[in-house]
Amino acid sequence: MKILKSFKYAFSGVCIAVRRERNMRIHLAFAFYILLAAAVTGASRAEWAVVLLCIGAVTSAELINTALEKVCDRFCPEHSADVGLIKDMAAAAVLVFGLVSAVVGGIIFFNAEKVGATIAFFSRYPVFAIVIVATLPVAIYLVFRKYK
């Protein structure tokens, strides 16, 4: 039963981060569209593995960054140059993971084979393209709305 409580607390932490942290919602929105791109382009098993690892790394880095910022704010509420450096370095870790993941995504998705697969898919299923475009305002709303 103790292990179940650990999972409960971990999932609770993810839910809290999604509700309270705009950057987490941004990462998850990008992850959603990247997963769609992998499905539409017929990503190989290896490409799926790399995409999932990148999503997991960026999401995990954002969770660690958020937790570290909360600890810093809790124990040093006044401005401190040292705490500022710590928070900046934690944010930089997320940035590095994000940039590397973007490069990996470029390598996987921006080639003739994947672009051709995307065009072929949307030519066959134009309604799906419309649905994806229609989800963009919803995603933007969910990312930027205020949560309590």
N, C-alpha and C. Protein backbone atom coordinates (compact mmCIF):
# COMPACT_ATOMS: atom_id res chain seq x y z
N MET A 1 0.80 -1.20 0.00
CA MET A 1 0.00 0.00 0.00
C MET A 1 0.84 1.27 0.00
N LYS A 2 2.02 1.18 0.60
CA LYS A 2 2.89 2.36 0.67
C LYS A 2 3.31 2.80 -0.74
N ILE A 3 3.57 1.82 -1.62
CA ILE A 3 3.98 2.16 -2.98
C ILE A 3 2.84 2.85 -3.73
N LEU A 4 1.59 2.44 -3.46
CA LEU A 4 0.46 3.09 -4.10
C LEU A 4 0.34 4.54 -3.68
N LYS A 5 0.64 4.82 -2.41
CA LYS A 5 0.62 6.21 -1.94
C LYS A 5 1.70 7.02 -2.65
N SER A 6 2.85 6.41 -2.89
CA SER A 6 3.93 7.11 -3.59
C SER A 6 3.49 7.49 -5.00
N PHE A 7 2.83 6.56 -5.69
CA PHE A 7 2.32 6.87 -7.03
C PHE A 7 1.26 7.96 -6.96
N LYS A 8 0.40 7.89 -5.96
CA LYS A 8 -0.65 8.90 -5.80
C LYS A 8 -0.02 10.28 -5.62
N TYR A 9 1.00 10.37 -4.78
CA TYR A 9 1.66 11.67 -4.56
C TYR A 9 2.36 12.16 -5.83
N ALA A 10 2.98 11.24 -6.55
CA ALA A 10 3.66 11.63 -7.79
C ALA A 10 2.67 12.14 -8.83
N PHE A 11 1.56 11.43 -9.02
CA PHE A 11 0.55 11.89 -9.97
C PHE A 11 -0.08 13.20 -9.51
N SER A 12 -0.23 13.36 -8.22
CA SER A 12 -0.74 14.61 -7.67
C SER A 12 0.21 15.76 -8.02
N GLY A 13 1.51 15.50 -7.91
CA GLY A 13 2.51 16.52 -8.26
C GLY A 13 2.42 16.93 -9.71
N VAL A 14 2.21 15.97 -10.59
CA VAL A 14 2.06 16.29 -12.02
C VAL A 14 0.81 17.13 -12.23
N CYS A 15 -0.29 16.73 -11.62
CA CYS A 15 -1.55 17.47 -11.78
C CYS A 15 -1.43 18.90 -11.25
N ILE A 16 -0.77 19.06 -10.11
CA ILE A 16 -0.57 20.39 -9.55
C ILE A 16 0.27 21.25 -10.50
N ALA A 17 1.33 20.66 -11.04
CA ALA A 17 2.19 21.40 -11.98
C ALA A 17 1.42 21.81 -13.23
N VAL A 18 0.59 20.92 -13.74
CA VAL A 18 -0.19 21.25 -14.94
C VAL A 18 -1.18 22.37 -14.65
N ARG A 19 -1.82 22.31 -13.48
CA ARG A 19 -2.79 23.35 -13.12
C ARG A 19 -2.14 24.69 -12.86
N ARG A 20 -0.99 24.69 -12.20
CA ARG A 20 -0.42 25.95 -11.72
C ARG A 20 0.68 26.54 -12.58
N GLU A 21 1.31 25.74 -13.42
CA GLU A 21 2.50 26.20 -14.14
C GLU A 21 2.24 26.29 -15.65
N ARG A 22 2.21 27.51 -16.15
CA ARG A 22 1.98 27.73 -17.57
C ARG A 22 3.02 27.03 -18.43
N ASN A 23 4.30 27.07 -18.01
CA ASN A 23 5.34 26.43 -18.82
C ASN A 23 5.13 24.93 -18.95
N MET A 24 4.60 24.30 -17.91
CA MET A 24 4.30 22.87 -18.00
C MET A 24 3.21 22.63 -19.04
N ARG A 25 2.19 23.49 -19.04
CA ARG A 25 1.12 23.35 -20.03
C ARG A 25 1.65 23.59 -21.43
N ILE A 26 2.59 24.51 -21.59
CA ILE A 26 3.20 24.75 -22.90
C ILE A 26 3.94 23.49 -23.36
N HIS A 27 4.73 22.90 -22.48
CA HIS A 27 5.46 21.67 -22.83
C HIS A 27 4.50 20.56 -23.22
N LEU A 28 3.42 20.41 -22.48
CA LEU A 28 2.46 19.34 -22.79
C LEU A 28 1.71 19.60 -24.09
N ALA A 29 1.43 20.86 -24.39
CA ALA A 29 0.77 21.17 -25.66
C ALA A 29 1.71 20.82 -26.83
N PHE A 30 2.97 21.20 -26.71
CA PHE A 30 3.94 20.83 -27.75
C PHE A 30 4.04 19.31 -27.86
N ALA A 31 4.06 18.63 -26.72
CA ALA A 31 4.16 17.17 -26.73
C ALA A 31 2.98 16.55 -27.48
N PHE A 32 1.79 17.08 -27.26
CA PHE A 32 0.60 16.58 -27.95
C PHE A 32 0.77 16.67 -29.47
N TYR A 33 1.20 17.83 -29.96
CA TYR A 33 1.35 18.00 -31.41
C TYR A 33 2.53 17.19 -31.96
N ILE A 34 3.55 17.01 -31.17
CA ILE A 34 4.67 16.19 -31.62
C ILE A 34 4.25 14.73 -31.72
N LEU A 35 3.46 14.26 -30.75
CA LEU A 35 2.95 12.89 -30.82
C LEU A 35 2.04 12.71 -32.04
N LEU A 36 1.23 13.73 -32.33
CA LEU A 36 0.42 13.68 -33.55
C LEU A 36 1.31 13.59 -34.79
N ALA A 37 2.37 14.40 -34.81
CA ALA A 37 3.29 14.38 -35.96
C ALA A 37 3.92 13.00 -36.12
N ALA A 38 4.29 12.37 -35.01
CA ALA A 38 4.89 11.04 -35.08
C ALA A 38 3.88 10.04 -35.64
N ALA A 39 2.63 10.16 -35.22
CA ALA A 39 1.61 9.24 -35.71
C ALA A 39 1.32 9.48 -37.20
N VAL A 40 1.19 10.74 -37.58
CA VAL A 40 0.86 11.08 -38.97
C VAL A 40 1.99 10.68 -39.92
N THR A 41 3.22 10.87 -39.51
CA THR A 41 4.35 10.60 -40.41
C THR A 41 4.78 9.14 -40.39
N GLY A 42 4.16 8.33 -39.55
CA GLY A 42 4.55 6.93 -39.50
C GLY A 42 5.93 6.73 -38.92
N ALA A 43 6.17 7.36 -37.79
CA ALA A 43 7.49 7.27 -37.15
C ALA A 43 7.83 5.80 -36.87
N SER A 44 9.10 5.48 -37.02
CA SER A 44 9.57 4.13 -36.72
C SER A 44 9.59 3.91 -35.21
N ARG A 45 9.81 2.68 -34.80
CA ARG A 45 9.88 2.39 -33.36
C ARG A 45 11.02 3.18 -32.71
N ALA A 46 12.15 3.26 -33.38
CA ALA A 46 13.29 4.01 -32.83
C ALA A 46 12.96 5.49 -32.74
N GLU A 47 12.28 6.03 -33.75
CA GLU A 47 11.90 7.44 -33.71
C GLU A 47 10.89 7.70 -32.59
N TRP A 48 9.94 6.80 -32.41
CA TRP A 48 9.00 6.93 -31.30
C TRP A 48 9.74 6.94 -29.97
N ALA A 49 10.70 6.04 -29.84
CA ALA A 49 11.46 5.96 -28.58
C ALA A 49 12.19 7.26 -28.31
N VAL A 50 12.83 7.83 -29.33
CA VAL A 50 13.58 9.07 -29.15
C VAL A 50 12.62 10.22 -28.82
N VAL A 51 11.50 10.30 -29.54
CA VAL A 51 10.51 11.35 -29.27
C VAL A 51 9.99 11.25 -27.84
N LEU A 52 9.65 10.05 -27.41
CA LEU A 52 9.14 9.87 -26.04
C LEU A 52 10.20 10.20 -25.00
N LEU A 53 11.45 9.83 -25.27
CA LEU A 53 12.53 10.19 -24.34
C LEU A 53 12.70 11.70 -24.25
N CYS A 54 12.63 12.38 -25.39
CA CYS A 54 12.75 13.84 -25.38
C CYS A 54 11.60 14.48 -24.60
N ILE A 55 10.38 14.01 -24.84
CA ILE A 55 9.22 14.56 -24.12
C ILE A 55 9.38 14.31 -22.62
N GLY A 56 9.78 13.10 -22.27
CA GLY A 56 9.98 12.79 -20.85
C GLY A 56 11.08 13.62 -20.22
N ALA A 57 12.16 13.85 -20.95
CA ALA A 57 13.28 14.64 -20.41
C ALA A 57 12.87 16.09 -20.19
N VAL A 58 12.20 16.69 -21.17
CA VAL A 58 11.80 18.09 -21.03
C VAL A 58 10.77 18.24 -19.92
N THR A 59 9.79 17.35 -19.88
CA THR A 59 8.76 17.41 -18.84
C THR A 59 9.38 17.21 -17.46
N SER A 60 10.27 16.25 -17.33
CA SER A 60 10.93 16.01 -16.04
C SER A 60 11.78 17.21 -15.62
N ALA A 61 12.51 17.77 -16.57
CA ALA A 61 13.32 18.94 -16.25
C ALA A 61 12.44 20.10 -15.78
N GLU A 62 11.29 20.27 -16.41
CA GLU A 62 10.38 21.34 -16.01
C GLU A 62 9.83 21.09 -14.60
N LEU A 63 9.52 19.85 -14.28
CA LEU A 63 9.04 19.52 -12.93
C LEU A 63 10.12 19.79 -11.89
N ILE A 64 11.36 19.40 -12.18
CA ILE A 64 12.46 19.65 -11.25
C ILE A 64 12.70 21.15 -11.10
N ASN A 65 12.68 21.86 -12.21
CA ASN A 65 12.87 23.31 -12.17
C ASN A 65 11.79 23.98 -11.31
N THR A 66 10.55 23.58 -11.52
CA THR A 66 9.45 24.15 -10.75
C THR A 66 9.60 23.85 -9.27
N ALA A 67 9.93 22.60 -8.95
CA ALA A 67 10.11 22.23 -7.55
C ALA A 67 11.24 23.03 -6.91
N LEU A 68 12.33 23.18 -7.62
CA LEU A 68 13.47 23.93 -7.10
C LEU A 68 13.11 25.40 -6.89
N GLU A 69 12.38 25.98 -7.83
CA GLU A 69 11.93 27.37 -7.66
C GLU A 69 11.05 27.52 -6.43
N LYS A 70 10.14 26.56 -6.22
CA LYS A 70 9.25 26.63 -5.05
C LYS A 70 10.04 26.53 -3.75
N VAL A 71 11.04 25.66 -3.70
CA VAL A 71 11.88 25.53 -2.50
C VAL A 71 12.64 26.83 -2.26
N CYS A 72 13.22 27.37 -3.32
CA CYS A 72 13.97 28.63 -3.17
C CYS A 72 13.06 29.75 -2.68
N ASP A 73 11.86 29.85 -3.26
CA ASP A 73 10.93 30.91 -2.86
C ASP A 73 10.45 30.72 -1.41
N ARG A 74 10.31 29.48 -1.02
CA ARG A 74 9.83 29.19 0.34
C ARG A 74 10.88 29.54 1.40
N PHE A 75 12.12 29.19 1.15
CA PHE A 75 13.14 29.37 2.17
C PHE A 75 13.95 30.65 2.02
N CYS A 76 13.73 31.35 0.92
CA CYS A 76 14.41 32.64 0.74
C CYS A 76 13.47 33.57 -0.02
N PRO A 77 12.40 34.05 0.65
CA PRO A 77 11.41 34.87 -0.05
C PRO A 77 11.94 36.23 -0.50
N GLU A 78 12.95 36.73 0.19
CA GLU A 78 13.52 38.02 -0.23
C GLU A 78 14.48 37.78 -1.40
N HIS A 79 14.74 38.85 -2.14
CA HIS A 79 15.64 38.72 -3.30
C HIS A 79 17.04 38.35 -2.84
N SER A 80 17.61 37.38 -3.52
CA SER A 80 18.98 36.95 -3.24
C SER A 80 19.67 36.64 -4.56
N ALA A 81 20.83 37.20 -4.75
CA ALA A 81 21.58 36.96 -5.99
C ALA A 81 21.91 35.47 -6.15
N ASP A 82 22.28 34.82 -5.06
CA ASP A 82 22.62 33.40 -5.13
C ASP A 82 21.40 32.55 -5.50
N VAL A 83 20.27 32.85 -4.89
CA VAL A 83 19.05 32.12 -5.22
C VAL A 83 18.66 32.39 -6.67
N GLY A 84 18.84 33.61 -7.12
CA GLY A 84 18.57 33.94 -8.51
C GLY A 84 19.42 33.12 -9.47
N LEU A 85 20.69 32.95 -9.12
CA LEU A 85 21.57 32.12 -9.96
C LEU A 85 21.11 30.67 -9.99
N ILE A 86 20.72 30.15 -8.85
CA ILE A 86 20.23 28.77 -8.77
C ILE A 86 19.00 28.60 -9.66
N LYS A 87 18.06 29.52 -9.55
CA LYS A 87 16.84 29.44 -10.35
C LYS A 87 17.14 29.60 -11.84
N ASP A 88 18.06 30.50 -12.18
CA ASP A 88 18.45 30.68 -13.58
C ASP A 88 19.09 29.42 -14.15
N MET A 89 19.93 28.77 -13.37
CA MET A 89 20.59 27.55 -13.85
C MET A 89 19.59 26.41 -14.01
N ALA A 90 18.62 26.31 -13.10
CA ALA A 90 17.59 25.28 -13.25
C ALA A 90 16.74 25.54 -14.50
N ALA A 91 16.42 26.80 -14.73
CA ALA A 91 15.67 27.14 -15.95
C ALA A 91 16.52 26.86 -17.20
N ALA A 92 17.80 27.08 -17.09
CA ALA A 92 18.70 26.80 -18.23
C ALA A 92 18.71 25.31 -18.56
N ALA A 93 18.59 24.46 -17.55
CA ALA A 93 18.53 23.01 -17.81
C ALA A 93 17.31 22.67 -18.65
N VAL A 94 16.18 23.29 -18.35
CA VAL A 94 14.97 23.07 -19.15
C VAL A 94 15.20 23.58 -20.57
N LEU A 95 15.80 24.75 -20.69
CA LEU A 95 16.08 25.32 -22.00
C LEU A 95 16.98 24.41 -22.82
N VAL A 96 18.03 23.88 -22.22
CA VAL A 96 18.95 22.99 -22.95
C VAL A 96 18.21 21.74 -23.42
N PHE A 97 17.44 21.10 -22.53
CA PHE A 97 16.66 19.92 -22.93
C PHE A 97 15.70 20.29 -24.06
N GLY A 98 15.05 21.44 -23.94
CA GLY A 98 14.10 21.86 -24.96
C GLY A 98 14.75 22.11 -26.31
N LEU A 99 15.90 22.80 -26.30
CA LEU A 99 16.59 23.07 -27.57
C LEU A 99 17.10 21.79 -28.22
N VAL A 100 17.69 20.92 -27.41
CA VAL A 100 18.18 19.65 -27.96
C VAL A 100 17.00 18.84 -28.51
N SER A 101 15.89 18.83 -27.79
CA SER A 101 14.71 18.11 -28.26
C SER A 101 14.18 18.70 -29.57
N ALA A 102 14.22 20.02 -29.70
CA ALA A 102 13.79 20.66 -30.94
C ALA A 102 14.69 20.25 -32.11
N VAL A 103 15.98 20.19 -31.86
CA VAL A 103 16.92 19.74 -32.91
C VAL A 103 16.63 18.29 -33.28
N VAL A 104 16.42 17.45 -32.28
CA VAL A 104 16.09 16.05 -32.54
C VAL A 104 14.80 15.96 -33.36
N GLY A 105 13.80 16.76 -32.98
CA GLY A 105 12.55 16.79 -33.75
C GLY A 105 12.78 17.22 -35.18
N GLY A 106 13.65 18.21 -35.37
CA GLY A 106 13.98 18.63 -36.74
C GLY A 106 14.62 17.51 -37.54
N ILE A 107 15.51 16.79 -36.91
CA ILE A 107 16.18 15.66 -37.59
C ILE A 107 15.16 14.59 -37.96
N ILE A 108 14.23 14.31 -37.05
CA ILE A 108 13.25 13.24 -37.30
C ILE A 108 12.19 13.67 -38.30
N PHE A 109 11.64 14.88 -38.16
CA PHE A 109 10.45 15.25 -38.91
C PHE A 109 10.69 16.09 -40.16
N PHE A 110 11.81 16.78 -40.25
CA PHE A 110 12.02 17.66 -41.40
C PHE A 110 12.97 17.02 -42.40
N ASN A 111 12.44 16.01 -43.06
CA ASN A 111 13.14 15.38 -44.18
C ASN A 111 12.09 15.04 -45.23
N ALA A 112 12.56 14.73 -46.42
CA ALA A 112 11.64 14.52 -47.54
C ALA A 112 10.63 13.40 -47.26
N GLU A 113 11.08 12.34 -46.62
CA GLU A 113 10.19 11.21 -46.34
C GLU A 113 9.04 11.61 -45.42
N LYS A 114 9.35 12.30 -44.33
CA LYS A 114 8.32 12.67 -43.35
C LYS A 114 7.40 13.77 -43.89
N VAL A 115 7.97 14.74 -44.60
CA VAL A 115 7.14 15.79 -45.19
C VAL A 115 6.20 15.18 -46.23
N GLY A 116 6.73 14.26 -47.04
CA GLY A 116 5.88 13.57 -48.02
C GLY A 116 4.78 12.76 -47.36
N ALA A 117 5.11 12.09 -46.26
CA ALA A 117 4.11 11.30 -45.53
C ALA A 117 3.03 12.21 -44.96
N THR A 118 3.43 13.38 -44.49
CA THR A 118 2.45 14.33 -43.93
C THR A 118 1.51 14.83 -45.02
N ILE A 119 2.08 15.21 -46.15
CA ILE A 119 1.26 15.69 -47.27
C ILE A 119 0.31 14.59 -47.75
N ALA A 120 0.81 13.38 -47.86
CA ALA A 120 -0.03 12.26 -48.29
C ALA A 120 -1.15 12.00 -47.29
N PHE A 121 -0.83 12.04 -46.01
CA PHE A 121 -1.85 11.79 -44.98
C PHE A 121 -2.95 12.84 -45.04
N PHE A 122 -2.58 14.12 -45.10
CA PHE A 122 -3.58 15.17 -45.11
C PHE A 122 -4.33 15.24 -46.44
N SER A 123 -3.72 14.76 -47.51
CA SER A 123 -4.44 14.67 -48.79
C SER A 123 -5.52 13.60 -48.70
N ARG A 124 -5.21 12.50 -48.04
CA ARG A 124 -6.17 11.41 -47.86
C ARG A 124 -7.24 11.75 -46.84
N TYR A 125 -6.86 12.48 -45.79
CA TYR A 125 -7.77 12.78 -44.67
C TYR A 125 -7.80 14.28 -44.39
N PRO A 126 -8.38 15.07 -45.29
CA PRO A 126 -8.37 16.53 -45.09
C PRO A 126 -9.13 16.97 -43.85
N VAL A 127 -10.13 16.22 -43.44
CA VAL A 127 -10.89 16.58 -42.24
C VAL A 127 -9.97 16.54 -41.02
N PHE A 128 -9.05 15.59 -41.01
CA PHE A 128 -8.12 15.49 -39.89
C PHE A 128 -7.26 16.76 -39.79
N ALA A 129 -6.84 17.29 -40.93
CA ALA A 129 -6.05 18.53 -40.94
C ALA A 129 -6.88 19.67 -40.35
N ILE A 130 -8.15 19.73 -40.71
CA ILE A 130 -9.03 20.78 -40.19
C ILE A 130 -9.19 20.62 -38.68
N VAL A 131 -9.35 19.39 -38.22
CA VAL A 131 -9.51 19.14 -36.78
C VAL A 131 -8.25 19.57 -36.02
N ILE A 132 -7.08 19.25 -36.56
CA ILE A 132 -5.84 19.65 -35.90
C ILE A 132 -5.73 21.17 -35.82
N VAL A 133 -6.02 21.85 -36.91
CA VAL A 133 -5.98 23.31 -36.90
C VAL A 133 -7.01 23.86 -35.91
N ALA A 134 -8.18 23.22 -35.84
CA ALA A 134 -9.22 23.68 -34.92
C ALA A 134 -8.82 23.49 -33.45
N THR A 135 -7.92 22.56 -33.17
CA THR A 135 -7.49 22.35 -31.78
C THR A 135 -6.51 23.42 -31.31
N LEU A 136 -5.91 24.15 -32.22
CA LEU A 136 -4.92 25.15 -31.82
C LEU A 136 -5.49 26.23 -30.90
N PRO A 137 -6.63 26.84 -31.21
CA PRO A 137 -7.16 27.83 -30.26
C PRO A 137 -7.49 27.23 -28.90
N VAL A 138 -7.97 25.99 -28.90
CA VAL A 138 -8.27 25.32 -27.63
C VAL A 138 -6.99 25.13 -26.83
N ALA A 139 -5.93 24.66 -27.51
CA ALA A 139 -4.65 24.46 -26.83
C ALA A 139 -4.11 25.78 -26.29
N ILE A 140 -4.21 26.83 -27.08
CA ILE A 140 -3.73 28.14 -26.63
C ILE A 140 -4.53 28.61 -25.41
N TYR A 141 -5.84 28.41 -25.45
CA TYR A 141 -6.68 28.78 -24.30
C TYR A 141 -6.27 27.99 -23.06
N LEU A 142 -6.12 26.67 -23.19
CA LEU A 142 -5.76 25.85 -22.04
C LEU A 142 -4.39 26.20 -21.48
N VAL A 143 -3.46 26.58 -22.35
CA VAL A 143 -2.13 26.94 -21.89
C VAL A 143 -2.14 28.26 -21.12
N PHE A 144 -2.86 29.23 -21.62
CA PHE A 144 -2.75 30.58 -21.06
C PHE A 144 -3.86 30.98 -20.10
N ARG A 145 -4.86 30.15 -19.91
CA ARG A 145 -5.91 30.53 -18.96
C ARG A 145 -5.39 30.46 -17.54
N LYS A 146 -6.04 31.18 -16.67
CA LYS A 146 -5.66 31.20 -15.25
C LYS A 146 -6.36 30.04 -14.54
N TYR A 147 -5.58 29.30 -13.79
CA TYR A 147 -6.13 28.20 -12.99
C TYR A 147 -6.06 28.61 -11.53
N LYS A 148 -6.94 28.04 -10.73
CA LYS A 148 -6.94 28.34 -9.29
C LYS A 148 -6.30 27.22 -8.53
